Amino acid sequence: MPHLIRVEPLANGWAVRHGDVENPQVFASGAKAETAAMRLGERLADAGNSAEVRIILRDGRLAGRFVCPAVA
């Protein structure tokens, strides 16, 4: 099962949430949050773990889904 990384809106910014980590990374812009989430997904894939990044819009809709397959 791939690691799930979510980029979600906050009242005053954007959060990157991963797995059971209680404290999300917080960013002022969605673009910076998305970049951080993609980098995390790539690092997990490089370490042999598949990852999925989901970008959630302020209205709750899924804006994008990116799969980072594990590197053999």
PDB file of N, CA and C in Angstrom:
ATOM      1  N   MET A   1       0.853  -1.182   0.000  1.00  0.00           N
ATOM      2  CA  MET A   1       0.000   0.000   0.000  1.00  0.00           C
ATOM      3  C   MET A   1       0.897   1.242   0.000  1.00  0.00           C
ATOM      4  N   PRO A   2       0.617   2.195  -0.876  1.00  0.00           N
ATOM      5  CA  PRO A   2       1.458   3.397  -0.944  1.00  0.00           C
ATOM      6  C   PRO A   2       1.238   4.327   0.254  1.00  0.00           C
ATOM      7  N   HIS A   3       2.271   5.084   0.558  1.00  0.00           N
ATOM      8  CA  HIS A   3       2.146   6.140   1.571  1.00  0.00           C
ATOM      9  C   HIS A   3       1.248   7.229   0.991  1.00  0.00           C
ATOM     10  N   LEU A   4       0.331   7.734   1.785  1.00  0.00           N
ATOM     11  CA  LEU A   4      -0.566   8.800   1.332  1.00  0.00           C
ATOM     12  C   LEU A   4      -0.083  10.131   1.876  1.00  0.00           C
ATOM     13  N   ILE A   5       0.117  11.078   0.982  1.00  0.00           N
ATOM     14  CA  ILE A   5       0.521  12.439   1.330  1.00  0.00           C
ATOM     15  C   ILE A   5      -0.587  13.351   0.826  1.00  0.00           C
ATOM     16  N   ARG A   6      -1.121  14.181   1.721  1.00  0.00           N
ATOM     17  CA  ARG A   6      -2.230  15.058   1.342  1.00  0.00           C
ATOM     18  C   ARG A   6      -1.829  16.522   1.494  1.00  0.00           C
ATOM     19  N   VAL A   7      -2.197  17.330   0.498  1.00  0.00           N
ATOM     20  CA  VAL A   7      -2.078  18.779   0.579  1.00  0.00           C
ATOM     21  C   VAL A   7      -3.498  19.290   0.768  1.00  0.00           C
ATOM     22  N   GLU A   8      -3.723  19.931   1.926  1.00  0.00           N
ATOM     23  CA  GLU A   8      -5.079  20.361   2.273  1.00  0.00           C
ATOM     24  C   GLU A   8      -5.079  21.817   2.708  1.00  0.00           C
ATOM     25  N   PRO A   9      -6.188  22.511   2.439  1.00  0.00           N
ATOM     26  CA  PRO A   9      -6.272  23.912   2.852  1.00  0.00           C
ATOM     27  C   PRO A   9      -6.452  24.060   4.354  1.00  0.00           C
ATOM     28  N   LEU A  10      -5.897  25.145   4.873  1.00  0.00           N
ATOM     29  CA  LEU A  10      -6.121  25.577   6.251  1.00  0.00           C
ATOM     30  C   LEU A  10      -6.794  26.942   6.178  1.00  0.00           C
ATOM     31  N   ALA A  11      -7.181  27.476   7.300  1.00  0.00           N
ATOM     32  CA  ALA A  11      -7.809  28.803   7.310  1.00  0.00           C
ATOM     33  C   ALA A  11      -6.879  29.854   6.716  1.00  0.00           C
ATOM     34  N   ASN A  12      -5.589  29.772   7.065  1.00  0.00           N
ATOM     35  CA  ASN A  12      -4.629  30.775   6.598  1.00  0.00           C
ATOM     36  C   ASN A  12      -3.400  30.124   5.980  1.00  0.00           C
ATOM     37  N   GLY A  13      -3.588  29.169   5.098  1.00  0.00           N
ATOM     38  CA  GLY A  13      -2.456  28.521   4.461  1.00  0.00           C
ATOM     39  C   GLY A  13      -2.805  27.134   3.970  1.00  0.00           C
ATOM     40  N   TRP A  14      -1.766  26.306   3.871  1.00  0.00           N
ATOM     41  CA  TRP A  14      -1.912  24.954   3.346  1.00  0.00           C
ATOM     42  C   TRP A  14      -1.100  23.990   4.184  1.00  0.00           C
ATOM     43  N   ALA A  15      -1.608  22.772   4.352  1.00  0.00           N
ATOM     44  CA  ALA A  15      -0.938  21.756   5.153  1.00  0.00           C
ATOM     45  C   ALA A  15      -0.537  20.580   4.278  1.00  0.00           C
ATOM     46  N   VAL A  16       0.613  19.999   4.612  1.00  0.00           N
ATOM     47  CA  VAL A  16       1.044  18.739   4.021  1.00  0.00           C
ATOM     48  C   VAL A  16       0.967  17.714   5.132  1.00  0.00           C
ATOM     49  N   ARG A  17       0.114  16.729   4.951  1.00  0.00           N
ATOM     50  CA  ARG A  17      -0.085  15.676   5.955  1.00  0.00           C
ATOM     51  C   ARG A  17       0.401  14.350   5.388  1.00  0.00           C
ATOM     52  N   HIS A  18       1.036  13.576   6.254  1.00  0.00           N
ATOM     53  CA  HIS A  18       1.574  12.286   5.828  1.00  0.00           C
ATOM     54  C   HIS A  18       1.354  11.256   6.920  1.00  0.00           C
ATOM     55  N   GLY A  19       0.646  10.196   6.575  1.00  0.00           N
ATOM     56  CA  GLY A  19       0.479   9.062   7.477  1.00  0.00           C
ATOM     57  C   GLY A  19      -0.013   9.425   8.858  1.00  0.00           C
ATOM     58  N   ASP A  20       0.662   8.858   9.846  1.00  0.00           N
ATOM     59  CA  ASP A  20       0.257   9.047  11.235  1.00  0.00           C
ATOM     60  C   ASP A  20       0.966  10.216  11.916  1.00  0.00           C
ATOM     61  N   VAL A  21       1.668  11.036  11.153  1.00  0.00           N
ATOM     62  CA  VAL A  21       2.358  12.190  11.723  1.00  0.00           C
ATOM     63  C   VAL A  21       1.299  13.201  12.164  1.00  0.00           C
ATOM     64  N   GLU A  22       1.302  13.532  13.450  1.00  0.00           N
ATOM     65  CA  GLU A  22       0.263  14.406  13.995  1.00  0.00           C
ATOM     66  C   GLU A  22       0.406  15.861  13.578  1.00  0.00           C
ATOM     67  N   ASN A  23       1.646  16.339  13.463  1.00  0.00           N
ATOM     68  CA  ASN A  23       1.871  17.745  13.143  1.00  0.00           C
ATOM     69  C   ASN A  23       2.171  17.906  11.660  1.00  0.00           C
ATOM     70  N   PRO A  24       1.258  18.512  10.910  1.00  0.00           N
ATOM     71  CA  PRO A  24       1.510  18.687   9.479  1.00  0.00           C
ATOM     72  C   PRO A  24       2.522  19.804   9.237  1.00  0.00           C
ATOM     73  N   GLN A  25       3.125  19.768   8.060  1.00  0.00           N
ATOM     74  CA  GLN A  25       3.926  20.897   7.616  1.00  0.00           C
ATOM     75  C   GLN A  25       2.941  21.961   7.147  1.00  0.00           C
ATOM     76  N   VAL A  26       3.194  23.221   7.466  1.00  0.00           N
ATOM     77  CA  VAL A  26       2.273  24.300   7.101  1.00  0.00           C
ATOM     78  C   VAL A  26       3.000  25.299   6.200  1.00  0.00           C
ATOM     79  N   PHE A  27       2.312  25.732   5.142  1.00  0.00           N
ATOM     80  CA  PHE A  27       2.883  26.647   4.163  1.00  0.00           C
ATOM     81  C   PHE A  27       1.903  27.785   3.890  1.00  0.00           C
ATOM     82  N   ALA A  28       2.433  28.935   3.525  1.00  0.00           N
ATOM     83  CA  ALA A  28       1.593  30.096   3.211  1.00  0.00           C
ATOM     84  C   ALA A  28       0.899  29.941   1.859  1.00  0.00           C
ATOM     85  N   SER A  29       1.542  29.223   0.934  1.00  0.00           N
ATOM     86  CA  SER A  29       0.946  29.076  -0.398  1.00  0.00           C
ATOM     87  C   SER A  29       0.751  27.604  -0.752  1.00  0.00           C
ATOM     88  N   GLY A  30      -0.247  27.380  -1.575  1.00  0.00           N
ATOM     89  CA  GLY A  30      -0.520  26.030  -2.036  1.00  0.00           C
ATOM     90  C   GLY A  30       0.600  25.495  -2.914  1.00  0.00           C
ATOM     91  N   ALA A  31       1.224  26.369  -3.685  1.00  0.00           N
ATOM     92  CA  ALA A  31       2.314  25.941  -4.559  1.00  0.00           C
ATOM     93  C   ALA A  31       3.490  25.411  -3.752  1.00  0.00           C
ATOM     94  N   LYS A  32       3.832  26.093  -2.664  1.00  0.00           N
ATOM     95  CA  LYS A  32       4.943  25.638  -1.822  1.00  0.00           C
ATOM     96  C   LYS A  32       4.589  24.322  -1.132  1.00  0.00           C
ATOM     97  N   ALA A  33       3.353  24.178  -0.712  1.00  0.00           N
ATOM     98  CA  ALA A  33       2.911  22.933  -0.080  1.00  0.00           C
ATOM     99  C   ALA A  33       2.958  21.780  -1.085  1.00  0.00           C
ATOM    100  N   GLU A  34       2.508  22.043  -2.297  1.00  0.00           N
ATOM    101  CA  GLU A  34       2.520  21.004  -3.327  1.00  0.00           C
ATOM    102  C   GLU A  34       3.960  20.580  -3.651  1.00  0.00           C
ATOM    103  N   THR A  35       4.862  21.543  -3.756  1.00  0.00           N
ATOM    104  CA  THR A  35       6.266  21.228  -4.027  1.00  0.00           C
ATOM    105  C   THR A  35       6.847  20.361  -2.917  1.00  0.00           C
ATOM    106  N   ALA A  36       6.567  20.717  -1.673  1.00  0.00           N
ATOM    107  CA  ALA A  36       7.070  19.937  -0.534  1.00  0.00           C
ATOM    108  C   ALA A  36       6.497  18.524  -0.547  1.00  0.00           C
ATOM    109  N   ALA A  37       5.224  18.392  -0.863  1.00  0.00           N
ATOM    110  CA  ALA A  37       4.583  17.075  -0.908  1.00  0.00           C
ATOM    111  C   ALA A  37       5.189  16.212  -2.010  1.00  0.00           C
ATOM    112  N   MET A  38       5.442  16.801  -3.167  1.00  0.00           N
ATOM    113  CA  MET A  38       6.037  16.048  -4.272  1.00  0.00           C
ATOM    114  C   MET A  38       7.457  15.613  -3.922  1.00  0.00           C
ATOM    115  N   ARG A  39       8.216  16.470  -3.273  1.00  0.00           N
ATOM    116  CA  ARG A  39       9.583  16.109  -2.865  1.00  0.00           C
ATOM    117  C   ARG A  39       9.550  14.961  -1.856  1.00  0.00           C
ATOM    118  N   LEU A  40       8.613  15.015  -0.926  1.00  0.00           N
ATOM    119  CA  LEU A  40       8.477  13.935   0.049  1.00  0.00           C
ATOM    120  C   LEU A  40       8.130  12.630  -0.666  1.00  0.00           C
ATOM    121  N   GLY A  41       7.201  12.688  -1.618  1.00  0.00           N
ATOM    122  CA  GLY A  41       6.835  11.504  -2.385  1.00  0.00           C
ATOM    123  C   GLY A  41       8.028  10.926  -3.142  1.00  0.00           C
ATOM    124  N   GLU A  42       8.845  11.795  -3.725  1.00  0.00           N
ATOM    125  CA  GLU A  42      10.028  11.346  -4.453  1.00  0.00           C
ATOM    126  C   GLU A  42      11.047  10.707  -3.514  1.00  0.00           C
ATOM    127  N   ARG A  43      11.229  11.283  -2.324  1.00  0.00           N
ATOM    128  CA  ARG A  43      12.172  10.708  -1.355  1.00  0.00           C
ATOM    129  C   ARG A  43      11.709   9.326  -0.890  1.00  0.00           C
ATOM    130  N   LEU A  44      10.404   9.204  -0.647  1.00  0.00           N
ATOM    131  CA  LEU A  44       9.870   7.895  -0.254  1.00  0.00           C
ATOM    132  C   LEU A  44      10.071   6.877  -1.372  1.00  0.00           C
ATOM    133  N   ALA A  45       9.806   7.293  -2.609  1.00  0.00           N
ATOM    134  CA  ALA A  45       9.983   6.391  -3.749  1.00  0.00           C
ATOM    135  C   ALA A  45      11.446   5.985  -3.903  1.00  0.00           C
ATOM    136  N   ASP A  46      12.356   6.927  -3.738  1.00  0.00           N
ATOM    137  CA  ASP A  46      13.784   6.622  -3.832  1.00  0.00           C
ATOM    138  C   ASP A  46      14.219   5.629  -2.754  1.00  0.00           C
ATOM    139  N   ALA A  47      13.511   5.645  -1.615  1.00  0.00           N
ATOM    140  CA  ALA A  47      13.831   4.735  -0.517  1.00  0.00           C
ATOM    141  C   ALA A  47      13.124   3.379  -0.678  1.00  0.00           C
ATOM    142  N   GLY A  48      12.416   3.187  -1.801  1.00  0.00           N
ATOM    143  CA  GLY A  48      11.773   1.909  -2.065  1.00  0.00           C
ATOM    144  C   GLY A  48      10.331   1.812  -1.619  1.00  0.00           C
ATOM    145  N   ASN A  49       9.713   2.956  -1.274  1.00  0.00           N
ATOM    146  CA  ASN A  49       8.310   2.984  -0.831  1.00  0.00           C
ATOM    147  C   ASN A  49       7.479   3.782  -1.822  1.00  0.00           C
ATOM    148  N   SER A  50       6.423   3.193  -2.346  1.00  0.00           N
ATOM    149  CA  SER A  50       5.557   3.949  -3.245  1.00  0.00           C
ATOM    150  C   SER A  50       4.772   4.994  -2.440  1.00  0.00           C
ATOM    151  N   ALA A  51       4.397   6.076  -3.114  1.00  0.00           N
ATOM    152  CA  ALA A  51       3.663   7.161  -2.451  1.00  0.00           C
ATOM    153  C   ALA A  51       2.625   7.724  -3.408  1.00  0.00           C
ATOM    154  N   GLU A  52       1.581   8.265  -2.825  1.00  0.00           N
ATOM    155  CA  GLU A  52       0.542   8.945  -3.595  1.00  0.00           C
ATOM    156  C   GLU A  52       0.328  10.317  -2.974  1.00  0.00           C
ATOM    157  N   VAL A  53       0.382  11.350  -3.814  1.00  0.00           N
ATOM    158  CA  VAL A  53       0.157  12.724  -3.364  1.00  0.00           C
ATOM    159  C   VAL A  53      -1.214  13.146  -3.862  1.00  0.00           C
ATOM    160  N   ARG A  54      -2.045  13.622  -2.945  1.00  0.00           N
ATOM    161  CA  ARG A  54      -3.378  14.125  -3.311  1.00  0.00           C
ATOM    162  C   ARG A  54      -3.451  15.601  -2.958  1.00  0.00           C
ATOM    163  N   ILE A  55      -3.908  16.411  -3.919  1.00  0.00           N
ATOM    164  CA  ILE A  55      -4.063  17.848  -3.728  1.00  0.00           C
ATOM    165  C   ILE A  55      -5.553  18.134  -3.591  1.00  0.00           C
ATOM    166  N   ILE A  56      -5.939  18.701  -2.451  1.00  0.00           N
ATOM    167  CA  ILE A  56      -7.348  18.991  -2.166  1.00  0.00           C
ATOM    168  C   ILE A  56      -7.579  20.501  -2.247  1.00  0.00           C
ATOM    169  N   LEU A  57      -8.598  20.906  -2.981  1.00  0.00           N
ATOM    170  CA  LEU A  57      -8.944  22.325  -3.109  1.00  0.00           C
ATOM    171  C   LEU A  57      -9.688  22.821  -1.875  1.00  0.00           C
ATOM    172  N   ARG A  58      -9.837  24.128  -1.772  1.00  0.00           N
ATOM    173  CA  ARG A  58     -10.542  24.727  -0.633  1.00  0.00           C
ATOM    174  C   ARG A  58     -12.004  24.269  -0.537  1.00  0.00           C
ATOM    175  N   ASP A  59     -12.605  23.923  -1.670  1.00  0.00           N
ATOM    176  CA  ASP A  59     -13.996  23.461  -1.636  1.00  0.00           C
ATOM    177  C   ASP A  59     -14.109  21.957  -1.379  1.00  0.00           C
ATOM    178  N   GLY A  60     -12.967  21.294  -1.129  1.00  0.00           N
ATOM    179  CA  GLY A  60     -12.968  19.876  -0.810  1.00  0.00           C
ATOM    180  C   GLY A  60     -12.788  18.938  -1.992  1.00  0.00           C
ATOM    181  N   ARG A  61     -12.796  19.485  -3.204  1.00  0.00           N
ATOM    182  CA  ARG A  61     -12.635  18.633  -4.386  1.00  0.00           C
ATOM    183  C   ARG A  61     -11.173  18.230  -4.571  1.00  0.00           C
ATOM    184  N   LEU A  62     -10.978  17.085  -5.186  1.00  0.00           N
ATOM    185  CA  LEU A  62      -9.646  16.598  -5.506  1.00  0.00           C
ATOM    186  C   LEU A  62      -9.146  17.335  -6.744  1.00  0.00           C
ATOM    187  N   ALA A  63      -8.043  18.069  -6.604  1.00  0.00           N
ATOM    188  CA  ALA A  63      -7.494  18.829  -7.726  1.00  0.00           C
ATOM    189  C   ALA A  63      -6.497  18.010  -8.523  1.00  0.00           C
ATOM    190  N   GLY A  64      -5.797  17.110  -7.848  1.00  0.00           N
ATOM    191  CA  GLY A  64      -4.800  16.310  -8.541  1.00  0.00           C
ATOM    192  C   GLY A  64      -4.354  15.137  -7.700  1.00  0.00           C
ATOM    193  N   ARG A  65      -3.847  14.142  -8.394  1.00  0.00           N
ATOM    194  CA  ARG A  65      -3.351  12.926  -7.745  1.00  0.00           C
ATOM    195  C   ARG A  65      -2.102  12.513  -8.483  1.00  0.00           C
ATOM    196  N   PHE A  66      -1.021  12.352  -7.751  1.00  0.00           N
ATOM    197  CA  PHE A  66       0.254  11.998  -8.354  1.00  0.00           C
ATOM    198  C   PHE A  66       0.778  10.733  -7.677  1.00  0.00           C
ATOM    199  N   VAL A  67       1.224   9.787  -8.478  1.00  0.00           N
ATOM    200  CA  VAL A  67       1.747   8.532  -7.949  1.00  0.00           C
ATOM    201  C   VAL A  67       3.259   8.537  -8.136  1.00  0.00           C
ATOM    202  N   CYS A  68       3.956   8.203  -7.058  1.00  0.00           N
ATOM    203  CA  CYS A  68       5.417   8.093  -7.071  1.00  0.00           C
ATOM    204  C   CYS A  68       5.747   6.631  -6.853  1.00  0.00           C
ATOM    205  N   PRO A  69       6.017   5.867  -7.928  1.00  0.00           N
ATOM    206  CA  PRO A  69       6.282   4.437  -7.753  1.00  0.00           C
ATOM    207  C   PRO A  69       7.636   4.202  -7.087  1.00  0.00           C
ATOM    208  N   ALA A  70       7.702   3.151  -6.312  1.00  0.00           N
ATOM    209  CA  ALA A  70       8.937   2.803  -5.609  1.00  0.00           C
ATOM    210  C   ALA A  70      10.032   2.477  -6.616  1.00  0.00           C
ATOM    211  N   VAL A  71      11.231   2.941  -6.318  1.00  0.00           N
ATOM    212  CA  VAL A  71      12.387   2.641  -7.131  1.00  0.00           C
ATOM    213  C   VAL A  71      12.941   1.308  -6.674  1.00  0.00           C
ATOM    214  N   ALA A  72      13.142   0.395  -7.604  1.00  0.00           N
ATOM    215  CA  ALA A  72      13.608  -0.955  -7.260  1.00  0.00           C
ATOM    216  C   ALA A  72      15.029  -0.944  -6.745  1.00  0.00           C
TER     217      ALA A  72
END
